[in-house]
Amino acid sequence: ISGYSLVIQARDSGTPPLSSSVTVNVDISDVNDNSPVFTPANYTAVIQENKPVGTSILQLVVTDKDSFHNGPPFTFTILTGNEEEEFTLDPHGVLRSAVIFKHMVATEYVLCVQAKDSGKPQQVSHTYIQVRVIEESIHKPTAIPLEIFIVTMEDDFPGGVIGKIHATDQDVYDVLTYTLKSEQKSLFKVNSHDGKIIALGGLDNGKYVLNVSVSDGRFQVPIDVVVHVEQLLQEMLQNTVTIRFENVSPEDFVGLHMHGFRRTLRNAVLSQKQDSLHIISIQPVAGSNQLDMLFAVQMHNGGFYKPAYLIQKLTNARRHLENVIRISAILEKNCSGLDCQEQHCEQSLSIDSHSLMTYSTARISFVCPRFYRNVRCMC
């Protein structure tokens, strides 16, 4: 407890008694009686041979239960194990290489490190660090090509995470880093540590081929990343139909079924090959294991198929479509819960282009806006 606040009252013996109060604050000053604590108590680290001088090997983590002026900053010193000065330890507790290590020369080093706090008198703690030198990387990283589909309203893409590169390496201790060619950084970014791809706002309609690579420090491998951006027209929302699927998650639909179902759906409803099928959005149905897919079909002359025509086509082809994935319902109007006839149900559809949903798998990522269906009874 660092302090107490007391209220003290003095009262006299008169009639009536009179009194007054005063607040007394008592601060407990700290004595430097706690040593620094390493977490964990001892360390094990690995460095590959032939890494350049200055390679980071380990970050020491030290805490102190004393107050701030008796704790950090800490002073770090390598006491033993560094007689040939193969290592350096900076003021922030980062252990780095001071030479280029060779596995044939030595495979292991054991360092004793001391941490001193800033109190008076100073308190001291020790830790041991075992550093193993392993052979340099012999396997190239492998990465899965990624295709990303982004659906957004006209010129209204807010940006965000649109997918993640999946890469592996057979060398156990390799650390993978991801880079993007510099001229593409005005539109996209790649997190160098985890491979997440971030799109900046205002993407135009079209196809983007990203020049991304993954490196293990020795080998660098290119990755095929293609981004398709489709901008919705307001007229599409007035001509949509919803297919509701049973027992499927958005990620499973995107990764396992979307390509196949899109192809089957095109064959089922398109009158001419030049017409275009647009998947506008997919999103889970709240409180269920169902999934809604919102789509529209555009004719090559610019107009749109009417929902009634699409529903007729879908109803006729439903058995064929269910060879790909189980369908729960085909919806144009969603009057669920309203006690009125179909013709007295008015529906409006709205898209929230700033609330994007990203469904990402190893090979395919689908980014789409959230949609809301508003229904009212006109009885």
Protein backbone atom coordinates (compact mmCIF):
# COMPACT_ATOMS: atom_id res chain seq x y z
CA ILE A 1 0.00 0.00 0.00
CA SER A 2 1.60 3.22 -1.16
CA GLY A 3 -0.36 5.61 1.08
CA TYR A 4 -3.22 6.28 3.49
CA SER A 5 -5.69 9.14 3.74
CA LEU A 6 -7.02 9.73 7.31
CA VAL A 7 -9.80 12.08 8.46
CA ILE A 8 -9.20 13.14 12.11
CA GLN A 9 -11.80 14.96 14.18
CA ALA A 10 -11.21 17.07 17.33
CA ARG A 11 -14.28 17.68 19.56
CA ASP A 12 -14.41 19.80 22.73
CA SER A 13 -16.34 19.17 25.99
CA GLY A 14 -18.68 22.16 25.79
CA THR A 15 -22.45 22.18 25.48
CA PRO A 16 -23.16 21.70 22.69
CA PRO A 17 -19.81 20.12 21.73
CA LEU A 18 -18.09 21.77 18.79
CA SER A 19 -15.75 19.97 16.41
CA SER A 20 -13.64 20.32 13.31
CA SER A 21 -11.88 17.83 11.04
CA VAL A 22 -8.60 17.66 9.18
CA THR A 23 -7.32 15.27 6.49
CA VAL A 24 -3.93 13.69 7.02
CA ASN A 25 -2.25 12.02 4.02
CA VAL A 26 0.44 9.49 4.89
CA ASP A 27 2.73 8.48 2.01
CA ILE A 28 4.74 5.27 2.38
CA SER A 29 8.15 5.82 0.83
CA ASP A 30 9.67 2.88 -1.01
CA VAL A 31 12.84 1.13 0.06
CA ASN A 32 14.75 -0.77 -2.60
CA ASP A 33 14.18 -4.22 -1.10
CA ASN A 34 13.23 -6.16 -4.26
CA SER A 35 15.69 -7.54 -6.79
CA PRO A 36 14.95 -7.47 -10.51
CA VAL A 37 13.10 -10.59 -11.71
CA PHE A 38 13.86 -12.31 -15.04
CA THR A 39 10.93 -13.92 -16.88
CA PRO A 40 11.55 -16.78 -17.45
CA ALA A 41 14.23 -17.43 -14.83
CA ASN A 42 16.62 -18.85 -17.47
CA TYR A 43 16.61 -18.64 -21.27
CA THR A 44 17.25 -20.83 -24.29
CA ALA A 45 17.89 -19.25 -27.70
CA VAL A 46 18.88 -20.36 -31.19
CA ILE A 47 20.88 -18.62 -33.92
CA GLN A 48 21.58 -19.95 -37.40
CA GLU A 49 25.16 -19.93 -38.63
CA ASN A 50 26.24 -17.28 -41.14
CA LYS A 51 23.74 -14.71 -39.85
CA PRO A 52 25.15 -11.16 -40.11
CA VAL A 53 26.76 -9.37 -37.18
CA GLY A 54 24.10 -7.59 -35.11
CA THR A 55 21.41 -10.26 -35.55
CA SER A 56 18.93 -10.16 -32.66
CA ILE A 57 19.03 -13.42 -30.68
CA LEU A 58 16.94 -12.78 -27.58
CA GLN A 59 14.99 -10.11 -25.69
CA LEU A 60 15.38 -10.25 -21.91
CA VAL A 61 12.23 -9.48 -19.90
CA VAL A 62 12.86 -7.99 -16.44
CA THR A 63 10.43 -6.59 -13.84
CA ASP A 64 10.84 -5.06 -10.38
CA LYS A 65 8.23 -4.83 -7.59
CA ASP A 66 9.76 -1.65 -6.18
CA SER A 67 8.50 1.81 -7.13
CA PHE A 68 9.64 3.35 -10.38
CA HIS A 69 12.74 5.14 -9.09
CA ASN A 70 14.01 1.90 -7.53
CA GLY A 71 13.30 -0.24 -10.61
CA PRO A 72 14.12 0.44 -14.27
CA PRO A 73 16.14 1.38 -16.19
CA PHE A 74 18.17 -1.77 -15.63
CA THR A 75 21.88 -2.21 -16.27
CA PHE A 76 22.74 -5.46 -18.07
CA THR A 77 26.15 -7.13 -17.98
CA ILE A 78 27.40 -10.44 -19.40
CA LEU A 79 29.46 -11.87 -16.52
CA THR A 80 30.71 -15.16 -17.99
CA GLY A 81 30.59 -17.09 -21.25
CA ASN A 82 31.52 -14.16 -23.48
CA GLU A 83 35.29 -14.21 -23.12
CA GLU A 84 35.78 -14.10 -26.91
CA GLU A 85 33.20 -11.29 -27.21
CA GLU A 86 30.88 -13.20 -29.52
CA PHE A 87 27.80 -11.41 -28.07
CA THR A 88 26.67 -7.89 -27.18
CA LEU A 89 23.87 -6.92 -24.79
CA ASP A 90 22.31 -3.48 -25.30
CA PRO A 91 20.72 -1.28 -22.57
CA HIS A 92 17.25 -2.56 -23.53
CA GLY A 93 18.19 -6.19 -22.81
CA VAL A 94 18.52 -7.33 -26.44
CA LEU A 95 21.19 -9.97 -26.97
CA ARG A 96 22.85 -9.69 -30.40
CA SER A 97 25.57 -11.47 -32.32
CA ALA A 98 28.98 -9.78 -32.47
CA VAL A 99 30.52 -12.34 -34.85
CA ILE A 100 29.37 -14.59 -37.70
CA PHE A 101 28.81 -17.95 -36.02
CA LYS A 102 29.90 -21.25 -37.56
CA HIS A 103 28.25 -24.51 -36.55
CA MET A 104 31.53 -26.40 -37.09
CA VAL A 105 33.38 -24.12 -34.64
CA ALA A 106 30.94 -24.28 -31.70
CA THR A 107 27.40 -25.52 -31.29
CA GLU A 108 26.54 -24.07 -27.87
CA TYR A 109 27.33 -21.12 -25.59
CA VAL A 110 26.21 -20.55 -21.99
CA LEU A 111 26.12 -16.95 -20.77
CA CYS A 112 25.61 -15.67 -17.23
CA VAL A 113 23.88 -12.29 -17.34
CA GLN A 114 23.42 -9.80 -14.51
CA ALA A 115 20.67 -7.17 -14.19
CA LYS A 116 21.04 -4.23 -11.79
CA ASP A 117 18.17 -1.92 -10.87
CA SER A 118 18.37 1.87 -10.37
CA GLY A 119 17.81 1.95 -6.61
CA LYS A 120 20.23 2.85 -3.83
CA PRO A 121 21.75 0.56 -2.86
CA GLN A 122 21.31 -1.37 -6.13
CA GLN A 123 19.74 -4.83 -6.17
CA VAL A 124 21.11 -7.51 -8.50
CA SER A 125 19.74 -10.65 -10.21
CA HIS A 126 21.26 -13.24 -12.51
CA THR A 127 20.07 -15.46 -15.32
CA TYR A 128 21.65 -18.05 -17.58
CA ILE A 129 21.21 -18.02 -21.37
CA GLN A 130 21.90 -21.13 -23.43
CA VAL A 131 22.54 -20.20 -27.07
CA ARG A 132 22.59 -22.99 -29.65
CA VAL A 133 24.20 -22.49 -33.07
CA ILE A 134 22.38 -24.46 -35.78
CA GLU A 135 23.09 -24.99 -39.45
CA GLU A 136 21.79 -22.36 -41.84
CA SER A 137 18.52 -22.78 -43.66
CA ILE A 138 18.53 -25.52 -46.30
CA HIS A 139 14.85 -25.48 -47.33
CA LYS A 140 13.07 -22.76 -49.26
CA PRO A 141 9.77 -21.48 -47.83
CA THR A 142 6.63 -22.70 -49.54
CA ALA A 143 3.56 -20.50 -49.93
CA ILE A 144 0.04 -21.05 -51.23
CA PRO A 145 -1.17 -18.71 -54.02
CA LEU A 146 -3.96 -16.44 -52.79
CA GLU A 147 -6.93 -15.06 -54.68
CA ILE A 148 -8.93 -12.25 -53.07
CA PHE A 149 -12.39 -11.05 -54.11
CA ILE A 150 -13.54 -7.65 -52.83
CA VAL A 151 -17.11 -6.42 -53.27
CA THR A 152 -17.79 -2.78 -52.45
CA MET A 153 -20.19 0.03 -53.26
CA GLU A 154 -19.13 2.54 -55.89
CA ASP A 155 -15.95 4.40 -54.82
CA ASP A 156 -16.70 3.70 -51.16
CA PHE A 157 -14.14 1.09 -50.07
CA PRO A 158 -12.90 1.92 -46.53
CA GLY A 159 -9.89 -0.41 -46.55
CA GLY A 160 -8.80 -3.04 -44.04
CA VAL A 161 -7.43 -6.57 -43.77
CA ILE A 162 -8.47 -8.52 -46.88
CA GLY A 163 -6.60 -11.80 -46.49
CA LYS A 164 -3.55 -13.63 -45.15
CA ILE A 165 -0.71 -15.41 -46.90
CA HIS A 166 -0.12 -18.96 -45.67
CA ALA A 167 3.54 -19.98 -45.86
CA THR A 168 5.60 -22.72 -44.19
CA ASP A 169 9.23 -23.76 -43.97
CA GLN A 170 10.70 -27.19 -43.19
CA ASP A 171 13.58 -25.58 -41.28
CA VAL A 172 12.23 -25.62 -37.73
CA TYR A 173 13.82 -22.39 -36.53
CA ASP A 174 13.34 -20.28 -39.64
CA VAL A 175 11.49 -17.00 -39.12
CA LEU A 176 9.53 -15.95 -42.20
CA THR A 177 9.14 -12.33 -43.29
CA TYR A 178 6.86 -10.96 -45.99
CA THR A 179 7.53 -8.04 -48.34
CA LEU A 180 5.58 -6.17 -51.01
CA LYS A 181 7.14 -4.44 -54.00
CA SER A 182 7.51 -0.77 -53.19
CA GLU A 183 5.49 0.70 -56.07
CA GLN A 184 2.37 -1.16 -54.89
CA LYS A 185 2.50 0.25 -51.35
CA SER A 186 0.25 3.18 -52.27
CA LEU A 187 -2.71 0.75 -52.53
CA PHE A 188 -1.77 -2.26 -50.39
CA LYS A 189 0.39 -3.22 -47.42
CA VAL A 190 1.66 -6.58 -46.18
CA ASN A 191 2.41 -7.20 -42.50
CA SER A 192 6.02 -8.35 -42.55
CA HIS A 193 5.55 -10.73 -39.59
CA ASP A 194 2.26 -12.58 -40.19
CA GLY A 195 1.56 -12.10 -43.92
CA LYS A 196 -1.74 -10.25 -43.49
CA ILE A 197 -2.65 -8.20 -46.57
CA ILE A 198 -4.14 -4.77 -45.95
CA ALA A 199 -5.88 -2.74 -48.64
CA LEU A 200 -5.99 1.01 -48.32
CA GLY A 201 -9.18 2.97 -48.97
CA GLY A 202 -10.57 3.96 -52.36
CA LEU A 203 -9.71 0.92 -54.51
CA ASP A 204 -10.99 1.17 -58.08
CA ASN A 205 -12.82 -1.56 -59.93
CA GLY A 206 -10.49 -4.07 -61.56
CA LYS A 207 -7.79 -6.69 -61.10
CA TYR A 208 -4.58 -6.18 -59.12
CA VAL A 209 -1.61 -8.56 -59.21
CA LEU A 210 0.55 -8.08 -56.11
CA ASN A 211 4.30 -8.70 -56.16
CA VAL A 212 4.68 -10.35 -52.73
CA SER A 213 7.60 -12.48 -51.54
CA VAL A 214 8.38 -14.52 -48.42
CA SER A 215 11.91 -14.92 -47.06
CA ASP A 216 13.52 -17.12 -44.40
CA GLY A 217 16.62 -14.92 -44.30
CA ARG A 218 18.44 -16.97 -46.93
CA PHE A 219 15.89 -17.89 -49.60
CA GLN A 220 13.28 -15.55 -51.07
CA VAL A 221 10.22 -17.01 -52.80
CA PRO A 222 7.58 -15.08 -54.81
CA ILE A 223 3.89 -15.61 -54.02
CA ASP A 224 1.02 -15.21 -56.47
CA VAL A 225 -1.55 -12.85 -54.95
CA VAL A 226 -4.38 -11.64 -57.18
CA VAL A 227 -7.00 -9.14 -55.97
CA HIS A 228 -10.32 -8.70 -57.82
CA VAL A 229 -12.31 -5.57 -56.93
CA GLU A 230 -15.96 -5.34 -57.99
CA GLN A 231 -17.97 -2.18 -57.40
CA LEU A 232 -21.69 -2.61 -56.92
CA LEU A 233 -24.31 -0.52 -58.68
CA GLN A 234 -27.28 0.75 -56.68
CA GLU A 235 -29.62 -0.85 -59.24
CA MET A 236 -28.26 -4.30 -58.28
CA LEU A 237 -29.81 -4.04 -54.81
CA GLN A 238 -33.30 -3.77 -56.32
CA ASN A 239 -32.85 -7.00 -58.28
CA THR A 240 -31.31 -9.34 -55.74
CA VAL A 241 -32.25 -12.84 -54.69
CA THR A 242 -31.03 -14.64 -51.58
CA ILE A 243 -30.09 -18.31 -51.45
CA ARG A 244 -30.00 -19.63 -47.89
CA PHE A 245 -27.68 -22.58 -47.24
CA GLU A 246 -27.94 -25.13 -44.45
CA ASN A 247 -25.10 -26.17 -42.09
CA VAL A 248 -22.20 -24.27 -43.62
CA SER A 249 -19.87 -21.60 -42.25
CA PRO A 250 -18.83 -18.60 -44.37
CA GLU A 251 -15.21 -19.81 -44.45
CA ASP A 252 -16.20 -23.31 -45.59
CA PHE A 253 -18.45 -21.86 -48.28
CA VAL A 254 -15.69 -19.57 -49.57
CA GLY A 255 -12.94 -22.19 -49.41
CA LEU A 256 -14.84 -25.31 -50.49
CA HIS A 257 -18.01 -24.40 -52.39
CA MET A 258 -17.99 -20.87 -53.82
CA HIS A 259 -16.22 -21.54 -57.12
CA GLY A 260 -18.17 -24.71 -57.84
CA PHE A 261 -21.53 -23.23 -56.82
CA ARG A 262 -20.93 -20.07 -58.85
CA ARG A 263 -20.25 -22.18 -61.95
CA THR A 264 -23.34 -24.36 -61.37
CA LEU A 265 -25.47 -21.28 -60.66
CA ARG A 266 -24.34 -19.59 -63.89
CA ASN A 267 -25.33 -22.64 -65.90
CA ALA A 268 -28.71 -22.76 -64.15
CA VAL A 269 -29.89 -19.14 -64.49
CA LEU A 270 -27.98 -17.35 -67.26
CA SER A 271 -29.80 -17.02 -70.57
CA GLN A 272 -26.66 -15.89 -72.43
CA LYS A 273 -23.00 -16.55 -71.70
CA GLN A 274 -22.22 -12.81 -71.93
CA ASP A 275 -24.46 -12.08 -68.91
CA SER A 276 -22.71 -11.62 -65.52
CA LEU A 277 -23.42 -13.22 -62.16
CA HIS A 278 -22.59 -10.93 -59.20
CA ILE A 279 -22.26 -12.36 -55.68
CA ILE A 280 -22.94 -9.25 -53.62
CA SER A 281 -22.52 -10.55 -50.07
CA ILE A 282 -22.57 -13.60 -47.86
CA GLN A 283 -23.32 -13.50 -44.15
CA PRO A 284 -24.46 -15.88 -41.40
CA VAL A 285 -28.09 -15.90 -40.33
CA ALA A 286 -28.18 -14.75 -36.70
CA GLY A 287 -28.92 -17.49 -34.17
CA SER A 288 -28.60 -20.36 -36.66
CA ASN A 289 -26.07 -22.40 -38.63
CA GLN A 290 -27.45 -21.06 -41.92
CA LEU A 291 -25.76 -18.77 -44.43
CA ASP A 292 -27.30 -16.22 -46.80
CA MET A 293 -25.78 -15.51 -50.22
CA LEU A 294 -27.06 -12.37 -51.92
CA PHE A 295 -26.67 -12.22 -55.70
CA ALA A 296 -27.91 -10.49 -58.87
CA VAL A 297 -27.51 -11.18 -62.59
CA GLN A 298 -26.68 -8.42 -65.06
CA MET A 299 -27.41 -8.70 -68.77
CA HIS A 300 -24.67 -7.83 -71.25
CA ASN A 301 -26.69 -4.75 -72.33
CA GLY A 302 -26.59 -3.37 -68.75
CA GLY A 303 -30.02 -4.33 -67.41
CA PHE A 304 -30.72 -6.87 -64.67
CA TYR A 305 -32.71 -10.11 -64.46
CA LYS A 306 -35.87 -9.62 -62.42
CA PRO A 307 -35.99 -11.47 -59.08
CA ALA A 308 -39.17 -13.35 -60.04
CA TYR A 309 -37.44 -14.75 -63.13
CA LEU A 310 -34.36 -15.76 -61.11
CA ILE A 311 -36.49 -17.50 -58.48
CA GLN A 312 -38.31 -19.48 -61.17
CA LYS A 313 -34.98 -20.57 -62.68
CA LEU A 314 -33.58 -21.47 -59.26
CA THR A 315 -36.67 -23.47 -58.30
CA ASN A 316 -36.42 -25.51 -61.48
CA ALA A 317 -32.69 -26.14 -60.95
CA ARG A 318 -32.76 -26.61 -57.19
CA ARG A 319 -32.08 -30.35 -57.22
CA HIS A 320 -29.09 -29.81 -59.51
CA LEU A 321 -27.75 -26.99 -57.30
CA GLU A 322 -28.03 -29.16 -54.20
CA ASN A 323 -25.51 -31.57 -55.71
CA VAL A 324 -22.96 -28.91 -54.71
CA ILE A 325 -24.36 -27.70 -51.37
CA ARG A 326 -27.59 -28.09 -49.42
CA ILE A 327 -30.07 -25.21 -49.88
CA SER A 328 -32.46 -24.29 -47.09
CA ALA A 329 -34.54 -21.64 -48.90
CA ILE A 330 -34.67 -19.30 -51.89
CA LEU A 331 -35.80 -15.84 -50.83
CA GLU A 332 -36.86 -12.72 -52.63
CA LYS A 333 -38.94 -11.27 -49.84
CA ASN A 334 -38.28 -12.27 -46.25
CA CYS A 335 -41.57 -11.91 -44.38
CA SER A 336 -40.56 -14.32 -41.63
CA GLY A 337 -42.42 -13.46 -38.43
CA LEU A 338 -44.88 -11.09 -40.11
CA ASP A 339 -48.52 -12.14 -40.17
CA CYS A 340 -49.37 -10.93 -43.65
CA GLN A 341 -49.67 -12.29 -47.18
CA GLU A 342 -46.72 -12.25 -49.57
CA GLN A 343 -48.22 -9.47 -51.72
CA HIS A 344 -48.62 -7.25 -48.65
CA CYS A 345 -44.99 -7.52 -47.59
CA GLU A 346 -42.68 -4.68 -48.59
CA GLN A 347 -38.95 -5.29 -48.45
CA SER A 348 -36.02 -2.92 -48.72
CA LEU A 349 -32.36 -3.89 -48.80
CA SER A 350 -29.55 -1.73 -47.49
CA ILE A 351 -25.79 -2.17 -47.70
CA ASP A 352 -23.37 -0.91 -45.08
CA SER A 353 -20.26 -0.39 -47.19
CA HIS A 354 -18.20 0.65 -44.14
CA SER A 355 -18.91 -2.60 -42.29
CA LEU A 356 -16.88 -5.14 -44.23
CA MET A 357 -16.80 -8.87 -43.54
CA THR A 358 -13.64 -10.78 -44.47
CA TYR A 359 -13.85 -14.54 -44.89
CA SER A 360 -10.31 -15.78 -45.38
CA THR A 361 -8.98 -19.24 -46.18
CA ALA A 362 -5.54 -20.40 -47.28
CA ARG A 363 -6.34 -20.06 -50.99
CA ILE A 364 -9.34 -17.73 -51.28
CA SER A 365 -10.47 -14.64 -49.42
CA PHE A 366 -13.86 -12.97 -49.88
CA VAL A 367 -14.48 -9.44 -48.63
CA CYS A 368 -18.02 -8.07 -48.80
CA PRO A 369 -20.23 -5.43 -47.17
CA ARG A 370 -22.78 -6.29 -44.50
CA PHE A 371 -26.38 -6.12 -45.69
CA TYR A 372 -29.64 -5.51 -43.86
CA ARG A 373 -33.10 -6.63 -44.96
CA ASN A 374 -35.91 -4.40 -43.74
CA VAL A 375 -39.42 -5.80 -44.06
CA ARG A 376 -42.78 -4.31 -43.09
CA CYS A 377 -46.35 -5.47 -43.40
CA MET A 378 -48.56 -3.36 -45.71
CA CYS A 379 -51.86 -5.02 -44.73
